[in-house]
C-alpha atoms as a PDB file:
ATOM      1  CA  MET A   1    -216.139  97.886  39.588  1.00  0.00           C
ATOM      2  CA  ALA A   2    -212.499  97.769  38.482  1.00  0.00           C
ATOM      3  CA  THR A   3    -211.412  97.361  42.093  1.00  0.00           C
ATOM      4  CA  SER A   4    -213.899  94.548  42.676  1.00  0.00           C
ATOM      5  CA  THR A   5    -212.805  92.793  39.464  1.00  0.00           C
ATOM      6  CA  ASN A   6    -209.140  93.105  40.396  1.00  0.00           C
ATOM      7  CA  THR A   7    -209.841  91.743  43.883  1.00  0.00           C
ATOM      8  CA  LYS A   8    -211.581  88.692  42.422  1.00  0.00           C
ATOM      9  CA  LYS A   9    -208.692  88.145  40.016  1.00  0.00           C
ATOM     10  CA  ASP A  10    -206.242  88.374  42.889  1.00  0.00           C
ATOM     11  CA  GLN A  11    -208.250  85.862  44.898  1.00  0.00           C
ATOM     12  CA  ARG A  12    -208.380  83.426  41.970  1.00  0.00           C
ATOM     13  CA  ARG A  13    -204.640  83.826  41.409  1.00  0.00           C
ATOM     14  CA  GLU A  14    -203.910  83.216  45.108  1.00  0.00           C
ATOM     15  CA  SER A  15    -206.144  80.154  45.044  1.00  0.00           C
ATOM     16  CA  ARG A  16    -204.306  78.788  41.994  1.00  0.00           C
ATOM     17  CA  ASP A  17    -200.964  79.467  43.654  1.00  0.00           C
ATOM     18  CA  ARG A  18    -202.014  77.597  46.790  1.00  0.00           C
ATOM     19  CA  LEU A  19    -203.183  74.617  44.759  1.00  0.00           C
ATOM     20  CA  ARG A  20    -199.944  74.629  42.764  1.00  0.00           C
ATOM     21  CA  LEU A  21    -197.828  74.693  45.936  1.00  0.00           C
ATOM     22  CA  GLU A  22    -199.873  71.857  47.441  1.00  0.00           C
ATOM     23  CA  ARG A  23    -199.430  69.765  44.274  1.00  0.00           C
ATOM     24  CA  GLU A  24    -195.687  70.420  44.260  1.00  0.00           C
ATOM     25  CA  ALA A  25    -195.407  69.449  47.926  1.00  0.00           C
ATOM     26  CA  ARG A  26    -197.305  66.211  47.296  1.00  0.00           C
ATOM     27  CA  ALA A  27    -195.107  65.464  44.298  1.00  0.00           C
ATOM     28  CA  ARG A  28    -191.923  66.020  46.337  1.00  0.00           C
ATOM     29  CA  ARG A  29    -193.163  63.659  49.030  1.00  0.00           C
ATOM     30  CA  ALA A  30    -194.081  61.065  46.417  1.00  0.00           C
ATOM     31  CA  ARG A  31    -190.669  61.320  44.738  1.00  0.00           C
ATOM     32  CA  LEU A  32    -188.920  60.938  48.094  1.00  0.00           C
ATOM     33  CA  ARG A  33    -191.072  57.936  49.008  1.00  0.00           C
ATOM     34  CA  GLY A  34    -190.379  56.307  45.658  1.00  0.00           C
ATOM     35  CA  ARG A  35    -186.629  56.842  45.805  1.00  0.00           C
ATOM     36  CA  LEU A  36    -186.305  55.477  49.286  1.00  0.00           C
ATOM     37  CA  LEU A  37    -188.521  52.462  48.730  1.00  0.00           C
ATOM     38  CA  VAL A  38    -186.655  51.576  45.543  1.00  0.00           C
ATOM     39  CA  GLY A  39    -183.492  51.510  47.660  1.00  0.00           C
ATOM     40  CA  GLY A  40    -184.754  48.314  49.301  1.00  0.00           C
ATOM     41  CA  SER A  41    -183.914  47.396  52.868  1.00  0.00           C
ATOM     42  CA  LEU A  42    -181.499  50.255  53.507  1.00  0.00           C
ATOM     43  CA  VAL A  43    -184.057  52.968  53.962  1.00  0.00           C
ATOM     44  CA  ALA A  44    -187.772  53.525  53.585  1.00  0.00           C
ATOM     45  CA  VAL A  45    -190.340  56.098  54.495  1.00  0.00           C
ATOM     46  CA  LEU A  46    -192.828  54.256  56.626  1.00  0.00           C
ATOM     47  CA  GLY A  47    -196.262  55.163  57.931  1.00  0.00           C
ATOM     48  CA  ILE A  48    -196.333  54.510  61.658  1.00  0.00           C
ATOM     49  CA  ALA A  49    -198.982  55.364  64.228  1.00  0.00           C
ATOM     50  CA  ALA A  50    -201.666  56.842  61.994  1.00  0.00           C
ATOM     51  CA  GLY A  51    -199.363  57.935  59.213  1.00  0.00           C
ATOM     52  CA  VAL A  52    -196.513  59.484  61.147  1.00  0.00           C
ATOM     53  CA  GLY A  53    -193.544  59.676  58.800  1.00  0.00           C
ATOM     54  CA  VAL A  54    -190.095  58.535  59.859  1.00  0.00           C
ATOM     55  CA  TYR A  55    -186.925  57.479  58.155  1.00  0.00           C
ATOM     56  CA  ALA A  56    -186.189  53.849  58.851  1.00  0.00           C
ATOM     57  CA  SER A  57    -183.169  51.710  58.130  1.00  0.00           C
ATOM     58  CA  ASP A  58    -182.364  48.040  58.126  1.00  0.00           C
ATOM     59  CA  SER A  59    -180.830  46.467  61.215  1.00  0.00           C
ATOM     60  CA  SER A  60    -177.269  46.084  59.966  1.00  0.00           C
ATOM     61  CA  ALA A  61    -174.795  48.838  59.227  1.00  0.00           C
ATOM     62  CA  PRO A  62    -173.969  48.941  55.516  1.00  0.00           C
ATOM     63  CA  ALA A  63    -170.402  49.100  54.348  1.00  0.00           C
ATOM     64  CA  GLY A  64    -169.126  52.233  52.682  1.00  0.00           C
ATOM     65  CA  PRO A  65    -170.837  55.651  52.727  1.00  0.00           C
ATOM     66  CA  GLY A  66    -173.291  56.014  55.579  1.00  0.00           C
ATOM     67  CA  GLY A  67    -172.116  52.780  57.211  1.00  0.00           C
ATOM     68  CA  SER A  68    -169.688  51.918  59.948  1.00  0.00           C
ATOM     69  CA  SER A  69    -166.506  53.002  58.138  1.00  0.00           C
ATOM     70  CA  ASP A  70    -165.715  56.161  56.209  1.00  0.00           C
ATOM     71  CA  PRO A  71    -162.718  57.425  54.217  1.00  0.00           C
ATOM     72  CA  ASP A  72    -162.819  60.704  56.175  1.00  0.00           C
ATOM     73  CA  ALA A  73    -162.028  58.732  59.329  1.00  0.00           C
ATOM     74  CA  ALA A  74    -159.257  56.595  57.852  1.00  0.00           C
ATOM     75  CA  GLY A  75    -155.892  57.050  59.524  1.00  0.00           C
ATOM     76  CA  LYS A  76    -157.145  59.581  62.049  1.00  0.00           C
ATOM     77  CA  PRO A  77    -156.666  59.006  65.779  1.00  0.00           C
ATOM     78  CA  PHE A  78    -159.792  58.538  67.854  1.00  0.00           C
ATOM     79  CA  VAL A  79    -160.622  61.725  69.746  1.00  0.00           C
ATOM     80  CA  GLN A  80    -163.621  61.839  72.063  1.00  0.00           C
ATOM     81  CA  PRO A  81    -165.227  65.268  72.428  1.00  0.00           C
ATOM     82  CA  ALA A  82    -165.425  66.695  75.917  1.00  0.00           C
ATOM     83  CA  ASN A  83    -168.814  66.641  77.648  1.00  0.00           C
ATOM     84  CA  THR A  84    -169.878  63.326  76.074  1.00  0.00           C
ATOM     85  CA  SER A  85    -170.689  60.125  77.947  1.00  0.00           C
ATOM     86  CA  GLY A  86    -171.036  56.384  77.508  1.00  0.00           C
ATOM     87  CA  GLU A  87    -168.444  54.059  76.001  1.00  0.00           C
ATOM     88  CA  ASP A  88    -166.350  56.078  73.522  1.00  0.00           C
ATOM     89  CA  GLY A  89    -168.549  59.091  74.258  1.00  0.00           C
ATOM     90  CA  VAL A  90    -171.340  58.034  71.897  1.00  0.00           C
ATOM     91  CA  VAL A  91    -173.937  59.884  73.997  1.00  0.00           C
ATOM     92  CA  VAL A  92    -174.242  63.664  74.085  1.00  0.00           C
ATOM     93  CA  PRO A  93    -175.947  64.465  77.397  1.00  0.00           C
ATOM     94  CA  TYR A  94    -177.718  67.664  78.309  1.00  0.00           C
ATOM     95  CA  GLY A  95    -179.354  68.701  81.560  1.00  0.00           C
ATOM     96  CA  LYS A  96    -178.924  67.900  85.213  1.00  0.00           C
ATOM     97  CA  ALA A  97    -177.027  64.654  85.684  1.00  0.00           C
ATOM     98  CA  ASP A  98    -179.079  63.747  88.755  1.00  0.00           C
ATOM     99  CA  ALA A  99    -182.455  64.174  87.013  1.00  0.00           C
ATOM    100  CA  LYS A 100    -184.675  61.186  87.800  1.00  0.00           C
ATOM    101  CA  HIS A 101    -185.926  60.694  84.236  1.00  0.00           C
ATOM    102  CA  THR A 102    -184.203  60.380  80.859  1.00  0.00           C
ATOM    103  CA  LEU A 103    -185.312  61.570  77.436  1.00  0.00           C
ATOM    104  CA  THR A 104    -183.401  59.813  74.643  1.00  0.00           C
ATOM    105  CA  VAL A 105    -183.436  61.492  71.227  1.00  0.00           C
ATOM    106  CA  TRP A 106    -182.111  59.774  68.071  1.00  0.00           C
ATOM    107  CA  LEU A 107    -181.526  62.061  65.079  1.00  0.00           C
ATOM    108  CA  ASP A 108    -179.892  61.993  61.649  1.00  0.00           C
ATOM    109  CA  PRO A 109    -178.763  65.489  60.580  1.00  0.00           C
ATOM    110  CA  ARG A 110    -180.156  65.008  57.053  1.00  0.00           C
ATOM    111  CA  CYS A 111    -183.552  63.705  58.213  1.00  0.00           C
ATOM    112  CA  PRO A 112    -186.342  66.237  57.509  1.00  0.00           C
ATOM    113  CA  TYR A 113    -188.625  64.656  60.112  1.00  0.00           C
ATOM    114  CA  CYS A 114    -185.860  65.190  62.668  1.00  0.00           C
ATOM    115  CA  ALA A 115    -185.746  68.825  61.584  1.00  0.00           C
ATOM    116  CA  GLY A 116    -189.491  69.082  62.192  1.00  0.00           C
ATOM    117  CA  VAL A 117    -189.098  67.688  65.693  1.00  0.00           C
ATOM    118  CA  GLU A 118    -186.151  69.889  66.643  1.00  0.00           C
ATOM    119  CA  ILE A 119    -187.774  73.013  65.218  1.00  0.00           C
ATOM    120  CA  GLY A 120    -191.077  72.252  66.936  1.00  0.00           C
ATOM    121  CA  LEU A 121    -189.874  70.796  70.232  1.00  0.00           C
ATOM    122  CA  GLY A 122    -186.187  71.663  70.632  1.00  0.00           C
ATOM    123  CA  LYS A 123    -186.846  74.770  72.715  1.00  0.00           C
ATOM    124  CA  THR A 124    -189.296  72.866  74.922  1.00  0.00           C
ATOM    125  CA  ILE A 125    -186.863  69.988  75.423  1.00  0.00           C
ATOM    126  CA  LYS A 126    -184.125  72.401  76.494  1.00  0.00           C
ATOM    127  CA  GLU A 127    -186.419  74.275  78.874  1.00  0.00           C
ATOM    128  CA  GLN A 128    -187.699  71.083  80.502  1.00  0.00           C
ATOM    129  CA  ALA A 129    -184.185  69.691  80.840  1.00  0.00           C
ATOM    130  CA  ASP A 130    -182.995  72.978  82.372  1.00  0.00           C
ATOM    131  CA  ALA A 131    -185.885  72.705  84.853  1.00  0.00           C
ATOM    132  CA  GLY A 132    -184.755  69.209  85.859  1.00  0.00           C
ATOM    133  CA  GLU A 133    -187.797  67.358  84.517  1.00  0.00           C
ATOM    134  CA  TYR A 134    -185.408  64.953  82.782  1.00  0.00           C
ATOM    135  CA  LYS A 135    -181.906  64.768  81.406  1.00  0.00           C
ATOM    136  CA  VAL A 136    -181.500  64.381  77.641  1.00  0.00           C
ATOM    137  CA  GLU A 137    -179.320  61.858  75.858  1.00  0.00           C
ATOM    138  CA  TYR A 138    -178.766  62.832  72.236  1.00  0.00           C
ATOM    139  CA  ARG A 139    -177.824  59.955  69.943  1.00  0.00           C
ATOM    140  CA  PHE A 140    -177.038  60.238  66.237  1.00  0.00           C
ATOM    141  CA  ALA A 141    -177.523  58.149  63.117  1.00  0.00           C
ATOM    142  CA  THR A 142    -175.692  58.800  59.839  1.00  0.00           C
ATOM    143  CA  PHE A 143    -177.280  56.273  57.468  1.00  0.00           C
ATOM    144  CA  LEU A 144    -178.878  58.896  55.219  1.00  0.00           C
ATOM    145  CA  ASP A 145    -175.545  59.752  53.597  1.00  0.00           C
ATOM    146  CA  GLY A 146    -175.698  56.402  51.829  1.00  0.00           C
ATOM    147  CA  ALA A 147    -179.462  56.106  51.618  1.00  0.00           C
ATOM    148  CA  LEU A 148    -180.022  59.366  49.754  1.00  0.00           C
ATOM    149  CA  GLY A 149    -177.694  58.521  46.903  1.00  0.00           C
ATOM    150  CA  GLY A 150    -174.425  59.268  48.633  1.00  0.00           C
ATOM    151  CA  GLY A 151    -173.036  62.255  50.428  1.00  0.00           C
ATOM    152  CA  ARG A 152    -171.216  63.354  53.545  1.00  0.00           C
ATOM    153  CA  GLY A 153    -173.641  65.719  55.244  1.00  0.00           C
ATOM    154  CA  SER A 154    -174.872  63.501  58.062  1.00  0.00           C
ATOM    155  CA  LYS A 155    -171.392  62.516  59.211  1.00  0.00           C
ATOM    156  CA  ARG A 156    -169.815  65.911  58.751  1.00  0.00           C
ATOM    157  CA  ALA A 157    -172.670  67.562  60.634  1.00  0.00           C
ATOM    158  CA  VAL A 158    -172.209  65.113  63.531  1.00  0.00           C
ATOM    159  CA  ASN A 159    -168.462  65.890  63.457  1.00  0.00           C
ATOM    160  CA  ALA A 160    -169.302  69.596  63.749  1.00  0.00           C
ATOM    161  CA  LEU A 161    -171.766  68.850  66.557  1.00  0.00           C
ATOM    162  CA  GLY A 162    -168.955  66.975  68.300  1.00  0.00           C
ATOM    163  CA  ALA A 163    -166.812  70.091  67.965  1.00  0.00           C
ATOM    164  CA  ALA A 164    -169.678  72.131  69.441  1.00  0.00           C
ATOM    165  CA  VAL A 165    -170.221  69.880  72.475  1.00  0.00           C
ATOM    166  CA  ASN A 166    -166.447  69.925  73.017  1.00  0.00           C
ATOM    167  CA  GLU A 167    -166.921  73.651  73.633  1.00  0.00           C
ATOM    168  CA  SER A 168    -169.932  73.194  75.944  1.00  0.00           C
ATOM    169  CA  PRO A 169    -173.311  71.418  76.146  1.00  0.00           C
ATOM    170  CA  GLU A 170    -175.021  74.795  75.784  1.00  0.00           C
ATOM    171  CA  LYS A 171    -173.141  75.554  72.558  1.00  0.00           C
ATOM    172  CA  PHE A 172    -174.103  72.105  71.282  1.00  0.00           C
ATOM    173  CA  MET A 173    -177.800  72.740  71.952  1.00  0.00           C
ATOM    174  CA  GLU A 174    -177.705  76.103  70.197  1.00  0.00           C
ATOM    175  CA  TYR A 175    -175.819  74.733  67.198  1.00  0.00           C
ATOM    176  CA  LEU A 176    -178.169  71.742  66.881  1.00  0.00           C
ATOM    177  CA  GLN A 177    -181.097  74.159  66.602  1.00  0.00           C
ATOM    178  CA  VAL A 178    -179.265  76.303  64.051  1.00  0.00           C
ATOM    179  CA  LEU A 179    -178.500  73.297  61.837  1.00  0.00           C
ATOM    180  CA  TYR A 180    -182.086  72.099  61.768  1.00  0.00           C
ATOM    181  CA  LYS A 181    -183.509  75.582  61.270  1.00  0.00           C
ATOM    182  CA  ASN A 182    -181.254  75.794  58.198  1.00  0.00           C
ATOM    183  CA  HIS A 183    -182.008  72.281  56.993  1.00  0.00           C
ATOM    184  CA  PRO A 184    -181.775  71.873  53.193  1.00  0.00           C
ATOM    185  CA  GLU A 185    -185.098  72.327  51.425  1.00  0.00           C
ATOM    186  CA  LYS A 186    -184.479  69.324  49.185  1.00  0.00           C
ATOM    187  CA  GLU A 187    -183.842  66.037  50.940  1.00  0.00           C
ATOM    188  CA  THR A 188    -181.147  65.072  48.426  1.00  0.00           C
ATOM    189  CA  ASP A 189    -179.228  68.339  48.913  1.00  0.00           C
ATOM    190  CA  ASP A 190    -176.011  67.408  50.749  1.00  0.00           C
ATOM    191  CA  LYS A 191    -175.809  70.900  52.224  1.00  0.00           C
ATOM    192  CA  PHE A 192    -174.112  69.823  55.441  1.00  0.00           C
ATOM    193  CA  GLY A 193    -171.360  68.116  53.472  1.00  0.00           C
ATOM    194  CA  SER A 194    -169.861  71.580  52.997  1.00  0.00           C
ATOM    195  CA  THR A 195    -167.320  72.636  55.618  1.00  0.00           C
ATOM    196  CA  ALA A 196    -167.888  76.268  54.676  1.00  0.00           C
ATOM    197  CA  THR A 197    -171.635  75.919  55.307  1.00  0.00           C
ATOM    198  CA  LEU A 198    -171.135  74.301  58.711  1.00  0.00           C
ATOM    199  CA  LEU A 199    -168.746  77.094  59.735  1.00  0.00           C
ATOM    200  CA  GLU A 200    -171.025  79.836  58.435  1.00  0.00           C
ATOM    201  CA  LEU A 201    -173.954  78.417  60.402  1.00  0.00           C
ATOM    202  CA  ALA A 202    -171.752  78.268  63.498  1.00  0.00           C
ATOM    203  CA  ASP A 203    -171.472  82.071  63.283  1.00  0.00           C
ATOM    204  CA  GLN A 204    -175.085  82.154  64.528  1.00  0.00           C
ATOM    205  CA  VAL A 205    -173.991  80.722  67.882  1.00  0.00           C
ATOM    206  CA  PRO A 206    -172.172  83.416  69.885  1.00  0.00           C
ATOM    207  CA  GLY A 207    -168.708  82.306  70.933  1.00  0.00           C
ATOM    208  CA  LEU A 208    -168.750  78.965  69.097  1.00  0.00           C
ATOM    209  CA  ARG A 209    -166.174  79.846  66.432  1.00  0.00           C
ATOM    210  CA  THR A 210    -163.104  79.242  68.590  1.00  0.00           C
ATOM    211  CA  PRO A 211    -159.818  78.133  66.971  1.00  0.00           C
ATOM    212  CA  ALA A 212    -160.408  74.620  68.347  1.00  0.00           C
ATOM    213  CA  PHE A 213    -163.912  74.443  66.862  1.00  0.00           C
ATOM    214  CA  ASN A 214    -162.766  75.760  63.496  1.00  0.00           C
ATOM    215  CA  GLN A 215    -159.896  73.296  63.346  1.00  0.00           C
ATOM    216  CA  ALA A 216    -162.082  70.317  64.283  1.00  0.00           C
ATOM    217  CA  VAL A 217    -164.621  71.147  61.567  1.00  0.00           C
ATOM    218  CA  LYS A 218    -162.009  71.810  58.896  1.00  0.00           C
ATOM    219  CA  GLU A 219    -159.776  68.840  59.724  1.00  0.00           C
ATOM    220  CA  LEU A 220    -162.636  66.432  60.560  1.00  0.00           C
ATOM    221  CA  THR A 221    -161.044  65.736  63.918  1.00  0.00           C
ATOM    222  CA  TYR A 222    -163.943  63.751  65.324  1.00  0.00           C
ATOM    223  CA  MET A 223    -164.716  61.511  62.334  1.00  0.00           C
ATOM    224  CA  PRO A 224    -163.519  58.287  64.044  1.00  0.00           C
ATOM    225  CA  TRP A 225    -165.840  59.237  66.922  1.00  0.00           C
ATOM    226  CA  VAL A 226    -168.636  59.871  64.389  1.00  0.00           C
ATOM    227  CA  ASP A 227    -168.105  56.335  63.081  1.00  0.00           C
ATOM    228  CA  LYS A 228    -168.660  54.893  66.543  1.00  0.00           C
ATOM    229  CA  VAL A 229    -171.647  57.154  67.190  1.00  0.00           C
ATOM    230  CA  GLY A 230    -173.318  56.122  63.920  1.00  0.00           C
ATOM    231  CA  LYS A 231    -172.628  52.429  64.463  1.00  0.00           C
ATOM    232  CA  THR A 232    -174.527  52.364  67.755  1.00  0.00           C
ATOM    233  CA  PHE A 233    -177.708  53.163  65.814  1.00  0.00           C
ATOM    234  CA  TYR A 234    -177.461  49.699  64.283  1.00  0.00           C
ATOM    235  CA  ASP A 235    -176.003  47.974  67.324  1.00  0.00           C
ATOM    236  CA  GLU A 236    -178.936  49.058  69.464  1.00  0.00           C
ATOM    237  CA  GLY A 237    -181.539  48.062  66.891  1.00  0.00           C
ATOM    238  CA  VAL A 238    -183.066  51.498  66.401  1.00  0.00           C
ATOM    239  CA  LYS A 239    -185.389  51.342  63.401  1.00  0.00           C
ATOM    240  CA  GLY A 240    -185.665  54.948  62.337  1.00  0.00           C
ATOM    241  CA  THR A 241    -185.213  58.629  63.013  1.00  0.00           C
ATOM    242  CA  PRO A 242    -186.443  60.587  64.777  1.00  0.00           C
ATOM    243  CA  ALA A 243    -186.822  58.217  67.709  1.00  0.00           C
ATOM    244  CA  VAL A 244    -187.693  59.728  71.078  1.00  0.00           C
ATOM    245  CA  LEU A 245    -187.925  57.658  74.242  1.00  0.00           C
ATOM    246  CA  VAL A 246    -189.017  58.539  77.759  1.00  0.00           C
ATOM    247  CA  ASP A 247    -187.315  56.273  80.289  1.00  0.00           C
ATOM    248  CA  GLY A 248    -186.922  53.704  77.527  1.00  0.00           C
ATOM    249  CA  THR A 249    -190.476  53.888  76.140  1.00  0.00           C
ATOM    250  CA  GLN A 250    -190.730  55.279  72.620  1.00  0.00           C
ATOM    251  CA  ILE A 251    -193.254  58.040  72.007  1.00  0.00           C
ATOM    252  CA  THR A 252    -194.585  59.464  68.734  1.00  0.00           C
ATOM    253  CA  VAL A 253    -193.452  63.040  68.197  1.00  0.00           C
ATOM    254  CA  ASN A 254    -194.455  63.665  64.548  1.00  0.00           C
ATOM    255  CA  THR A 255    -198.013  64.625  63.689  1.00  0.00           C
ATOM    256  CA  GLY A 256    -198.305  62.551  60.520  1.00  0.00           C
ATOM    257  CA  ARG A 257    -198.922  65.781  58.566  1.00  0.00           C
ATOM    258  CA  GLY A 258    -195.661  66.276  56.701  1.00  0.00           C
ATOM    259  CA  ILE A 259    -192.616  66.737  58.894  1.00  0.00           C
ATOM    260  CA  ASP A 260    -194.393  68.737  61.585  1.00  0.00           C
ATOM    261  CA  SER A 261    -193.963  67.780  65.231  1.00  0.00           C
ATOM    262  CA  ILE A 262    -196.715  67.500  67.774  1.00  0.00           C
ATOM    263  CA  THR A 263    -197.329  70.565  69.934  1.00  0.00           C
ATOM    264  CA  PRO A 264    -195.230  71.254  73.036  1.00  0.00           C
ATOM    265  CA  GLU A 265    -198.369  70.696  75.107  1.00  0.00           C
ATOM    266  CA  ALA A 266    -198.993  67.265  73.568  1.00  0.00           C
ATOM    267  CA  PHE A 267    -195.323  66.423  74.013  1.00  0.00           C
ATOM    268  CA  GLY A 268    -195.422  67.376  77.697  1.00  0.00           C
ATOM    269  CA  LYS A 269    -198.432  65.141  78.202  1.00  0.00           C
ATOM    270  CA  LEU A 270    -196.682  62.174  76.558  1.00  0.00           C
ATOM    271  CA  VAL A 271    -193.604  62.705  78.700  1.00  0.00           C
ATOM    272  CA  ALA A 272    -195.698  62.779  81.867  1.00  0.00           C
ATOM    273  CA  GLU A 273    -197.655  59.654  80.867  1.00  0.00           C
ATOM    274  CA  ASN A 274    -194.566  57.594  80.061  1.00  0.00           C
ATOM    275  CA  ARG A 275    -192.238  58.457  82.911  1.00  0.00           C
ATOM    276  CA  LYS A 276    -191.411  55.528  85.115  1.00  0.00           C
ATOM    277  CA  PRO A 277    -192.163  55.918  88.843  1.00  0.00           C
END
């Protein structure tokens, strides 16, 4: 009887713990929604396509933190990372250049929904690009530094990603996955604003910690480039992150259940349905 009683107690305790965790998760989401909506036009958590959550910004780049100019970039010469494309290198391409189709992926390093997409679909995207199904164009936003009460994490993470792609597209892809797999648990935690953190995470990518990479992260070499990269988010009228487009047609890649992405199978179907002839 003692064993049966203990088992029932354990089950009740586990049930209470699950309910508590669910309540805490709902409360965190509600606090985030409230903070962002109070911020007005700069940023809001919107429900799109049956409740899919995305971060969305207004259509004009704000001045100051998170906008089109940043003190970290002041006085530095513009340096474009190797292996980037487009005017001023604002696009980070991956895959076979002659692939017939293009997958465009807009991300903000501090965006939890972006983390959900990269964690859930990043491996699939890389595999499909390697197979030549499409080439990928990674584009970055940095508006969350200002929208989440200030910070430097979005821009400094993009600077570090610039240092990674300067090493190689493969190193960039690996480092992008590492950053999102180590995304801060709290949305207001400016974890990626720490140079030490960005360098420590780079240790998880074999061969990435070259002297050139270390110097670029420590000295913020690519911050003027980051400014241009972040500004294109506004210039091109993108409304939120993550934004994923197949040959120019946007597809929904979040499930609407928290930050989770759709399955790789569902993603593959959407890609196939939206590819242009």
